[in-house]
């Protein structure tokens, strides 16, 4: 599967929970398949997300196409507003 969403099931932050819900709701509404990767399952997954994003303080949700970094929540929202989610996620369009 191409699109990967790094998220967490363990957070006290309402904004992180809300952002994660927004991302999955929008992807579902567009019929875009994705894989959820829960960084709360181990520090190595959090470190992997941060390394791939190139940001040592990155917090979920972070979006990737395979191992290619697409962006964070704010960047995703900009793509939604511009009706460019497929381009943002680097999905091939026919």
PDB file of N, CA and C in Angstrom:
ATOM      1  N   UNK A   1       0.847  -1.190   0.000  1.00  0.00           N
ATOM      2  CA  UNK A   1       0.000   0.000   0.000  1.00  0.00           C
ATOM      3  C   UNK A   1       0.880   1.235   0.000  1.00  0.00           C
ATOM      4  N   UNK A   2       0.464   2.263  -0.721  1.00  0.00           N
ATOM      5  CA  UNK A   2       1.289   3.440  -0.884  1.00  0.00           C
ATOM      6  C   UNK A   2       1.203   4.443   0.248  1.00  0.00           C
ATOM      7  N   UNK A   3       0.003   4.941   0.534  1.00  0.00           N
ATOM      8  CA  UNK A   3      -0.146   6.025   1.499  1.00  0.00           C
ATOM      9  C   UNK A   3      -0.063   5.475   2.919  1.00  0.00           C
ATOM     10  N   UNK A   4       0.789   6.120   3.726  1.00  0.00           N
ATOM     11  CA  UNK A   4       0.946   5.739   5.124  1.00  0.00           C
ATOM     12  C   UNK A   4       0.702   6.960   5.988  1.00  0.00           C
ATOM     13  N   UNK A   5      -0.090   6.762   7.038  1.00  0.00           N
ATOM     14  CA  UNK A   5      -0.373   7.826   7.984  1.00  0.00           C
ATOM     15  C   UNK A   5       0.188   7.402   9.330  1.00  0.00           C
ATOM     16  N   UNK A   6       1.201   8.126   9.784  1.00  0.00           N
ATOM     17  CA  UNK A   6       1.734   7.879  11.116  1.00  0.00           C
ATOM     18  C   UNK A   6       0.841   8.627  12.101  1.00  0.00           C
ATOM     19  N   UNK A   7       0.343   7.901  13.101  1.00  0.00           N
ATOM     20  CA  UNK A   7      -0.576   8.474  14.077  1.00  0.00           C
ATOM     21  C   UNK A   7      -0.277   7.857  15.432  1.00  0.00           C
ATOM     22  N   UNK A   8      -1.019   8.256  16.448  1.00  0.00           N
ATOM     23  CA  UNK A   8      -0.843   7.662  17.766  1.00  0.00           C
ATOM     24  C   UNK A   8      -2.198   7.412  18.412  1.00  0.00           C
ATOM     25  N   UNK A   9      -2.292   6.298  19.125  1.00  0.00           N
ATOM     26  CA  UNK A   9      -3.510   6.011  19.875  1.00  0.00           C
ATOM     27  C   UNK A   9      -3.375   6.494  21.316  1.00  0.00           C
ATOM     28  N   UNK A  10      -2.182   6.947  21.681  1.00  0.00           N
ATOM     29  CA  UNK A  10      -1.936   7.399  23.045  1.00  0.00           C
ATOM     30  C   UNK A  10      -1.482   8.860  23.011  1.00  0.00           C
ATOM     31  N   UNK A  11      -2.427   9.757  23.277  1.00  0.00           N
ATOM     32  CA  UNK A  11      -2.090  11.176  23.354  1.00  0.00           C
ATOM     33  C   UNK A  11      -3.102  11.884  24.235  1.00  0.00           C
ATOM     34  N   UNK A  12      -2.617  12.872  24.956  1.00  0.00           N
ATOM     35  CA  UNK A  12      -3.517  13.697  25.774  1.00  0.00           C
ATOM     36  C   UNK A  12      -3.918  14.955  25.009  1.00  0.00           C
ATOM     37  N   UNK A  13      -3.344  15.112  23.821  1.00  0.00           N
ATOM     38  CA  UNK A  13      -3.587  16.318  23.031  1.00  0.00           C
ATOM     39  C   UNK A  13      -4.867  16.189  22.212  1.00  0.00           C
ATOM     40  N   UNK A  14      -5.828  17.050  22.518  1.00  0.00           N
ATOM     41  CA  UNK A  14      -7.068  17.043  21.738  1.00  0.00           C
ATOM     42  C   UNK A  14      -6.821  17.462  20.298  1.00  0.00           C
ATOM     43  N   UNK A  15      -5.871  18.369  20.089  1.00  0.00           N
ATOM     44  CA  UNK A  15      -5.618  18.822  18.716  1.00  0.00           C
ATOM     45  C   UNK A  15      -5.033  17.690  17.867  1.00  0.00           C
ATOM     46  N   UNK A  16      -4.137  16.883  18.435  1.00  0.00           N
ATOM     47  CA  UNK A  16      -3.577  15.749  17.686  1.00  0.00           C
ATOM     48  C   UNK A  16      -4.685  14.759  17.346  1.00  0.00           C
ATOM     49  N   UNK A  17      -5.541  14.440  18.317  1.00  0.00           N
ATOM     50  CA  UNK A  17      -6.655  13.527  18.058  1.00  0.00           C
ATOM     51  C   UNK A  17      -7.559  14.061  16.962  1.00  0.00           C
ATOM     52  N   UNK A  18      -7.881  15.340  17.038  1.00  0.00           N
ATOM     53  CA  UNK A  18      -8.748  15.969  16.046  1.00  0.00           C
ATOM     54  C   UNK A  18      -8.108  15.960  14.659  1.00  0.00           C
ATOM     55  N   UNK A  19      -6.819  16.285  14.602  1.00  0.00           N
ATOM     56  CA  UNK A  19      -6.113  16.298  13.320  1.00  0.00           C
ATOM     57  C   UNK A  19      -6.078  14.906  12.707  1.00  0.00           C
ATOM     58  N   UNK A  20      -5.800  13.899  13.520  1.00  0.00           N
ATOM     59  CA  UNK A  20      -5.760  12.522  13.014  1.00  0.00           C
ATOM     60  C   UNK A  20      -7.126  12.118  12.481  1.00  0.00           C
ATOM     61  N   UNK A  21      -8.182  12.468  13.205  1.00  0.00           N
ATOM     62  CA  UNK A  21      -9.530  12.151  12.749  1.00  0.00           C
ATOM     63  C   UNK A  21      -9.860  12.866  11.450  1.00  0.00           C
ATOM     64  N   UNK A  22      -9.449  14.123  11.327  1.00  0.00           N
ATOM     65  CA  UNK A  22      -9.685  14.880  10.096  1.00  0.00           C
ATOM     66  C   UNK A  22      -9.019  14.197   8.902  1.00  0.00           C
ATOM     67  N   UNK A  23      -7.761  13.809   9.073  1.00  0.00           N
ATOM     68  CA  UNK A  23      -7.011  13.184   7.976  1.00  0.00           C
ATOM     69  C   UNK A  23      -7.685  11.900   7.528  1.00  0.00           C
ATOM     70  N   UNK A  24      -8.007  11.017   8.470  1.00  0.00           N
ATOM     71  CA  UNK A  24      -8.603   9.737   8.076  1.00  0.00           C
ATOM     72  C   UNK A  24     -10.002   9.938   7.497  1.00  0.00           C
ATOM     73  N   UNK A  25     -10.751  10.885   8.031  1.00  0.00           N
ATOM     74  CA  UNK A  25     -12.100  11.153   7.504  1.00  0.00           C
ATOM     75  C   UNK A  25     -12.015  11.645   6.055  1.00  0.00           C
ATOM     76  N   UNK A  26     -11.093  12.537   5.782  1.00  0.00           N
ATOM     77  CA  UNK A  26     -10.960  13.079   4.424  1.00  0.00           C
ATOM     78  C   UNK A  26     -10.466  12.002   3.462  1.00  0.00           C
ATOM     79  N   UNK A  27      -9.474  11.217   3.887  1.00  0.00           N
ATOM     80  CA  UNK A  27      -8.979  10.139   3.017  1.00  0.00           C
ATOM     81  C   UNK A  27     -10.091   9.139   2.726  1.00  0.00           C
ATOM     82  N   UNK A  28     -10.870   8.783   3.760  1.00  0.00           N
ATOM     83  CA  UNK A  28     -11.990   7.864   3.559  1.00  0.00           C
ATOM     84  C   UNK A  28     -13.014   8.450   2.591  1.00  0.00           C
ATOM     85  N   UNK A  29     -13.323   9.740   2.741  1.00  0.00           N
ATOM     86  CA  UNK A  29     -14.341  10.365   1.885  1.00  0.00           C
ATOM     87  C   UNK A  29     -13.901  10.409   0.428  1.00  0.00           C
ATOM     88  N   UNK A  30     -12.585  10.434   0.195  1.00  0.00           N
ATOM     89  CA  UNK A  30     -12.060  10.465  -1.170  1.00  0.00           C
ATOM     90  C   UNK A  30     -11.779   9.068  -1.708  1.00  0.00           C
ATOM     91  N   UNK A  31     -12.015   8.053  -0.874  1.00  0.00           N
ATOM     92  CA  UNK A  31     -11.776   6.680  -1.313  1.00  0.00           C
ATOM     93  C   UNK A  31     -10.308   6.342  -1.459  1.00  0.00           C
ATOM     94  N   UNK A  32      -9.447   7.061  -0.746  1.00  0.00           N
ATOM     95  CA  UNK A  32      -8.003   6.816  -0.822  1.00  0.00           C
ATOM     96  C   UNK A  32      -7.628   5.798   0.254  1.00  0.00           C
ATOM     97  N   UNK A  33      -7.050   4.685  -0.181  1.00  0.00           N
ATOM     98  CA  UNK A  33      -6.628   3.653   0.766  1.00  0.00           C
ATOM     99  C   UNK A  33      -5.328   4.092   1.427  1.00  0.00           C
ATOM    100  N   UNK A  34      -5.197   3.737   2.702  1.00  0.00           N
ATOM    101  CA  UNK A  34      -4.010   4.131   3.453  1.00  0.00           C
ATOM    102  C   UNK A  34      -3.753   3.106   4.550  1.00  0.00           C
ATOM    103  N   UNK A  35      -2.531   3.134   5.025  1.00  0.00           N
ATOM    104  CA  UNK A  35      -2.120   2.270   6.133  1.00  0.00           C
ATOM    105  C   UNK A  35      -1.853   3.158   7.332  1.00  0.00           C
ATOM    106  N   UNK A  36      -2.423   2.796   8.476  1.00  0.00           N
ATOM    107  CA  UNK A  36      -2.165   3.523   9.719  1.00  0.00           C
ATOM    108  C   UNK A  36      -0.994   2.876  10.431  1.00  0.00           C
ATOM    109  N   UNK A  37      -0.039   3.704  10.848  1.00  0.00           N
ATOM    110  CA  UNK A  37       1.114   3.214  11.599  1.00  0.00           C
ATOM    111  C   UNK A  37       1.103   3.921  12.946  1.00  0.00           C
ATOM    112  N   UNK A  38       0.865   3.137  13.998  1.00  0.00           N
ATOM    113  CA  UNK A  38       0.702   3.677  15.350  1.00  0.00           C
ATOM    114  C   UNK A  38       2.065   3.802  16.032  1.00  0.00           C
ATOM    115  N   UNK A  39       2.537   5.045  16.188  1.00  0.00           N
ATOM    116  CA  UNK A  39       3.862   5.255  16.787  1.00  0.00           C
ATOM    117  C   UNK A  39       3.876   4.978  18.289  1.00  0.00           C
ATOM    118  N   UNK A  40       2.701   4.825  18.900  1.00  0.00           N
ATOM    119  CA  UNK A  40       2.677   4.519  20.332  1.00  0.00           C
ATOM    120  C   UNK A  40       3.059   3.059  20.597  1.00  0.00           C
ATOM    121  N   UNK A  41       3.205   2.263  19.534  1.00  0.00           N
ATOM    122  CA  UNK A  41       3.590   0.861  19.684  1.00  0.00           C
ATOM    123  C   UNK A  41       5.072   0.696  19.998  1.00  0.00           C
ATOM    124  N   UNK A  42       5.829   1.782  19.861  1.00  0.00           N
ATOM    125  CA  UNK A  42       7.252   1.700  20.189  1.00  0.00           C
ATOM    126  C   UNK A  42       7.995   2.943  19.754  1.00  0.00           C
ATOM    127  N   UNK A  43       9.005   3.302  20.528  1.00  0.00           N
ATOM    128  CA  UNK A  43       9.805   4.491  20.222  1.00  0.00           C
ATOM    129  C   UNK A  43      10.498   4.404  18.878  1.00  0.00           C
ATOM    130  N   UNK A  44      10.770   3.182  18.428  1.00  0.00           N
ATOM    131  CA  UNK A  44      11.433   3.039  17.142  1.00  0.00           C
ATOM    132  C   UNK A  44      10.544   3.529  16.000  1.00  0.00           C
ATOM    133  N   UNK A  45       9.227   3.344  16.112  1.00  0.00           N
ATOM    134  CA  UNK A  45       8.312   3.839  15.077  1.00  0.00           C
ATOM    135  C   UNK A  45       8.240   5.366  15.091  1.00  0.00           C
ATOM    136  N   UNK A  46       8.250   5.953  16.291  1.00  0.00           N
ATOM    137  CA  UNK A  46       8.273   7.418  16.397  1.00  0.00           C
ATOM    138  C   UNK A  46       9.552   7.965  15.769  1.00  0.00           C
ATOM    139  N   UNK A  47      10.683   7.337  16.080  1.00  0.00           N
ATOM    140  CA  UNK A  47      11.959   7.779  15.520  1.00  0.00           C
ATOM    141  C   UNK A  47      11.979   7.619  14.008  1.00  0.00           C
ATOM    142  N   UNK A  48      11.403   6.505  13.517  1.00  0.00           N
ATOM    143  CA  UNK A  48      11.316   6.272  12.071  1.00  0.00           C
ATOM    144  C   UNK A  48      10.519   7.387  11.405  1.00  0.00           C
ATOM    145  N   UNK A  49       9.367   7.747  11.999  1.00  0.00           N
ATOM    146  CA  UNK A  49       8.529   8.815  11.452  1.00  0.00           C
ATOM    147  C   UNK A  49       9.313  10.121  11.404  1.00  0.00           C
ATOM    148  N   UNK A  50       9.988  10.451  12.489  1.00  0.00           N
ATOM    149  CA  UNK A  50      10.731  11.712  12.554  1.00  0.00           C
ATOM    150  C   UNK A  50      11.908  11.734  11.587  1.00  0.00           C
ATOM    151  N   UNK A  51      12.607  10.613  11.455  1.00  0.00           N
ATOM    152  CA  UNK A  51      13.727  10.536  10.517  1.00  0.00           C
ATOM    153  C   UNK A  51      13.245  10.714   9.080  1.00  0.00           C
ATOM    154  N   UNK A  52      12.166  10.006   8.729  1.00  0.00           N
ATOM    155  CA  UNK A  52      11.638  10.099   7.366  1.00  0.00           C
ATOM    156  C   UNK A  52      11.113  11.505   7.071  1.00  0.00           C
ATOM    157  N   UNK A  53      10.537  12.153   8.091  1.00  0.00           N
ATOM    158  CA  UNK A  53      10.000  13.510   7.904  1.00  0.00           C
ATOM    159  C   UNK A  53      11.112  14.552   7.923  1.00  0.00           C
ATOM    160  N   UNK A  54      12.282  14.177   8.403  1.00  0.00           N
ATOM    161  CA  UNK A  54      13.387  15.118   8.479  1.00  0.00           C
ATOM    162  C   UNK A  54      13.189  16.166   9.570  1.00  0.00           C
ATOM    163  N   UNK A  55      12.412  15.814  10.596  1.00  0.00           N
ATOM    164  CA  UNK A  55      12.101  16.746  11.681  1.00  0.00           C
ATOM    165  C   UNK A  55      12.158  15.990  12.999  1.00  0.00           C
ATOM    166  N   UNK A  56      13.181  16.259  13.832  1.00  0.00           N
ATOM    167  CA  UNK A  56      13.314  15.522  15.083  1.00  0.00           C
ATOM    168  C   UNK A  56      12.202  15.785  16.101  1.00  0.00           C
ATOM    169  N   UNK A  57      11.365  16.785  15.841  1.00  0.00           N
ATOM    170  CA  UNK A  57      10.268  17.070  16.774  1.00  0.00           C
ATOM    171  C   UNK A  57       8.896  16.866  16.127  1.00  0.00           C
ATOM    172  N   UNK A  58       8.851  16.172  14.995  1.00  0.00           N
ATOM    173  CA  UNK A  58       7.583  15.942  14.286  1.00  0.00           C
ATOM    174  C   UNK A  58       6.606  15.181  15.167  1.00  0.00           C
ATOM    175  N   UNK A  59       5.343  15.603  15.111  1.00  0.00           N
ATOM    176  CA  UNK A  59       4.276  14.914  15.838  1.00  0.00           C
ATOM    177  C   UNK A  59       3.231  14.446  14.836  1.00  0.00           C
ATOM    178  N   UNK A  60       2.496  13.399  15.179  1.00  0.00           N
ATOM    179  CA  UNK A  60       1.478  12.906  14.263  1.00  0.00           C
ATOM    180  C   UNK A  60       0.329  13.895  14.121  1.00  0.00           C
ATOM    181  N   UNK A  61      -0.406  13.832  13.038  1.00  0.00           N
ATOM    182  CA  UNK A  61      -0.243  12.897  11.924  1.00  0.00           C
ATOM    183  C   UNK A  61       0.798  13.387  10.909  1.00  0.00           C
ATOM    184  N   UNK A  62       1.538  12.447  10.360  1.00  0.00           N
ATOM    185  CA  UNK A  62       2.502  12.694   9.293  1.00  0.00           C
ATOM    186  C   UNK A  62       2.139  11.757   8.150  1.00  0.00           C
ATOM    187  N   UNK A  63       2.192  12.268   6.918  1.00  0.00           N
ATOM    188  CA  UNK A  63       1.753  11.480   5.765  1.00  0.00           C
ATOM    189  C   UNK A  63       2.905  11.187   4.814  1.00  0.00           C
ATOM    190  N   UNK A  64       2.894   9.965   4.299  1.00  0.00           N
ATOM    191  CA  UNK A  64       3.939   9.488   3.394  1.00  0.00           C
ATOM    192  C   UNK A  64       3.302   8.700   2.256  1.00  0.00           C
ATOM    193  N   UNK A  65       4.016   8.641   1.136  1.00  0.00           N
ATOM    194  CA  UNK A  65       3.696   7.693   0.077  1.00  0.00           C
ATOM    195  C   UNK A  65       4.877   6.743   0.054  1.00  0.00           C
ATOM    196  N   UNK A  66       4.635   5.515   0.519  1.00  0.00           N
ATOM    197  CA  UNK A  66       5.709   4.553   0.811  1.00  0.00           C
ATOM    198  C   UNK A  66       6.671   5.241   1.780  1.00  0.00           C
ATOM    199  N   UNK A  67       7.934   5.451   1.371  1.00  0.00           N
ATOM    200  CA  UNK A  67       8.886   6.113   2.264  1.00  0.00           C
ATOM    201  C   UNK A  67       9.112   7.572   1.890  1.00  0.00           C
ATOM    202  N   UNK A  68       8.351   8.068   0.929  1.00  0.00           N
ATOM    203  CA  UNK A  68       8.510   9.453   0.484  1.00  0.00           C
ATOM    204  C   UNK A  68       7.608  10.368   1.309  1.00  0.00           C
ATOM    205  N   UNK A  69       8.225  11.363   1.951  1.00  0.00           N
ATOM    206  CA  UNK A  69       7.488  12.273   2.820  1.00  0.00           C
ATOM    207  C   UNK A  69       6.573  13.175   2.004  1.00  0.00           C
ATOM    208  N   UNK A  70       5.305  13.234   2.404  1.00  0.00           N
ATOM    209  CA  UNK A  70       4.340  14.121   1.749  1.00  0.00           C
ATOM    210  C   UNK A  70       4.135  15.391   2.566  1.00  0.00           C
ATOM    211  N   UNK A  71       3.958  15.247   3.886  1.00  0.00           N
ATOM    212  CA  UNK A  71       3.795  16.426   4.711  1.00  0.00           C
ATOM    213  C   UNK A  71       3.063  16.152   6.008  1.00  0.00           C
ATOM    214  N   UNK A  72       2.833  17.249   6.737  1.00  0.00           N
ATOM    215  CA  UNK A  72       2.150  17.170   8.027  1.00  0.00           C
ATOM    216  C   UNK A  72       0.696  17.605   7.877  1.00  0.00           C
ATOM    217  N   UNK A  73       0.027  17.758   8.980  1.00  0.00           N
ATOM    218  CA  UNK A  73      -1.402  18.097   8.967  1.00  0.00           C
ATOM    219  C   UNK A  73      -1.675  19.433   8.273  1.00  0.00           C
ATOM    220  N   UNK A  74      -0.890  20.449   8.603  1.00  0.00           N
ATOM    221  CA  UNK A  74      -1.124  21.765   8.003  1.00  0.00           C
ATOM    222  C   UNK A  74      -0.962  21.723   6.486  1.00  0.00           C
ATOM    223  N   UNK A  75       0.059  21.013   6.020  1.00  0.00           N
ATOM    224  CA  UNK A  75       0.288  20.884   4.576  1.00  0.00           C
ATOM    225  C   UNK A  75      -0.853  20.100   3.920  1.00  0.00           C
ATOM    226  N   UNK A  76      -1.338  19.070   4.612  1.00  0.00           N
ATOM    227  CA  UNK A  76      -2.462  18.282   4.115  1.00  0.00           C
ATOM    228  C   UNK A  76      -3.696  19.163   3.967  1.00  0.00           C
ATOM    229  N   UNK A  77      -3.963  20.000   4.971  1.00  0.00           N
ATOM    230  CA  UNK A  77      -5.129  20.897   4.915  1.00  0.00           C
ATOM    231  C   UNK A  77      -5.034  21.873   3.750  1.00  0.00           C
ATOM    232  N   UNK A  78      -3.837  22.382   3.492  1.00  0.00           N
ATOM    233  CA  UNK A  78      -3.651  23.280   2.351  1.00  0.00           C
ATOM    234  C   UNK A  78      -3.980  22.554   1.052  1.00  0.00           C
ATOM    235  N   UNK A  79      -3.570  21.298   0.946  1.00  0.00           N
ATOM    236  CA  UNK A  79      -3.857  20.501  -0.252  1.00  0.00           C
ATOM    237  C   UNK A  79      -5.359  20.253  -0.383  1.00  0.00           C
ATOM    238  N   UNK A  80      -6.036  20.016   0.743  1.00  0.00           N
ATOM    239  CA  UNK A  80      -7.489  19.814   0.711  1.00  0.00           C
ATOM    240  C   UNK A  80      -8.172  21.074   0.203  1.00  0.00           C
ATOM    241  N   UNK A  81      -7.768  22.229   0.721  1.00  0.00           N
ATOM    242  CA  UNK A  81      -8.358  23.506   0.305  1.00  0.00           C
ATOM    243  C   UNK A  81      -8.142  23.771  -1.188  1.00  0.00           C
ATOM    244  N   UNK A  82      -6.981  23.328  -1.690  1.00  0.00           N
ATOM    245  CA  UNK A  82      -6.650  23.536  -3.103  1.00  0.00           C
ATOM    246  C   UNK A  82      -7.172  22.415  -3.989  1.00  0.00           C
ATOM    247  N   UNK A  83      -7.909  21.459  -3.405  1.00  0.00           N
ATOM    248  CA  UNK A  83      -8.410  20.286  -4.121  1.00  0.00           C
ATOM    249  C   UNK A  83      -7.263  19.565  -4.827  1.00  0.00           C
ATOM    250  N   UNK A  84      -6.164  19.374  -4.071  1.00  0.00           N
ATOM    251  CA  UNK A  84      -4.962  18.764  -4.635  1.00  0.00           C
ATOM    252  C   UNK A  84      -4.434  17.637  -3.746  1.00  0.00           C
ATOM    253  N   UNK A  85      -5.339  16.911  -3.096  1.00  0.00           N
ATOM    254  CA  UNK A  85      -4.919  15.858  -2.170  1.00  0.00           C
ATOM    255  C   UNK A  85      -4.145  14.762  -2.891  1.00  0.00           C
ATOM    256  N   UNK A  86      -4.606  14.353  -4.072  1.00  0.00           N
ATOM    257  CA  UNK A  86      -3.922  13.286  -4.803  1.00  0.00           C
ATOM    258  C   UNK A  86      -2.501  13.699  -5.170  1.00  0.00           C
ATOM    259  N   UNK A  87      -2.336  14.959  -5.595  1.00  0.00           N
ATOM    260  CA  UNK A  87      -0.995  15.447  -5.924  1.00  0.00           C
ATOM    261  C   UNK A  87      -0.136  15.514  -4.663  1.00  0.00           C
ATOM    262  N   UNK A  88      -0.720  15.998  -3.571  1.00  0.00           N
ATOM    263  CA  UNK A  88      -0.009  16.093  -2.297  1.00  0.00           C
ATOM    264  C   UNK A  88       0.508  14.720  -1.868  1.00  0.00           C
ATOM    265  N   UNK A  89      -0.324  13.702  -2.044  1.00  0.00           N
ATOM    266  CA  UNK A  89       0.057  12.342  -1.646  1.00  0.00           C
ATOM    267  C   UNK A  89       0.883  11.622  -2.691  1.00  0.00           C
ATOM    268  N   UNK A  90       1.223  12.324  -3.765  1.00  0.00           N
ATOM    269  CA  UNK A  90       2.060  11.775  -4.836  1.00  0.00           C
ATOM    270  C   UNK A  90       1.440  10.514  -5.439  1.00  0.00           C
ATOM    271  N   UNK A  91       0.118  10.555  -5.598  1.00  0.00           N
ATOM    272  CA  UNK A  91      -0.591   9.437  -6.213  1.00  0.00           C
ATOM    273  C   UNK A  91      -0.628   9.642  -7.707  1.00  0.00           C
ATOM    274  N   UNK A  92      -0.457   8.570  -8.451  1.00  0.00           N
ATOM    275  CA  UNK A  92      -0.520   8.666  -9.909  1.00  0.00           C
ATOM    276  C   UNK A  92      -1.962   8.825 -10.334  1.00  0.00           C
ATOM    277  N   UNK A  93      -2.215   9.819 -11.146  1.00  0.00           N
ATOM    278  CA  UNK A  93      -3.568  10.024 -11.665  1.00  0.00           C
ATOM    279  C   UNK A  93      -3.578   9.674 -13.143  1.00  0.00           C
ATOM    280  N   UNK A  94      -4.651   9.049 -13.550  1.00  0.00           N
ATOM    281  CA  UNK A  94      -4.757   8.617 -14.951  1.00  0.00           C
ATOM    282  C   UNK A  94      -5.600   9.605 -15.722  1.00  0.00           C
TER     283      UNK A  94
END
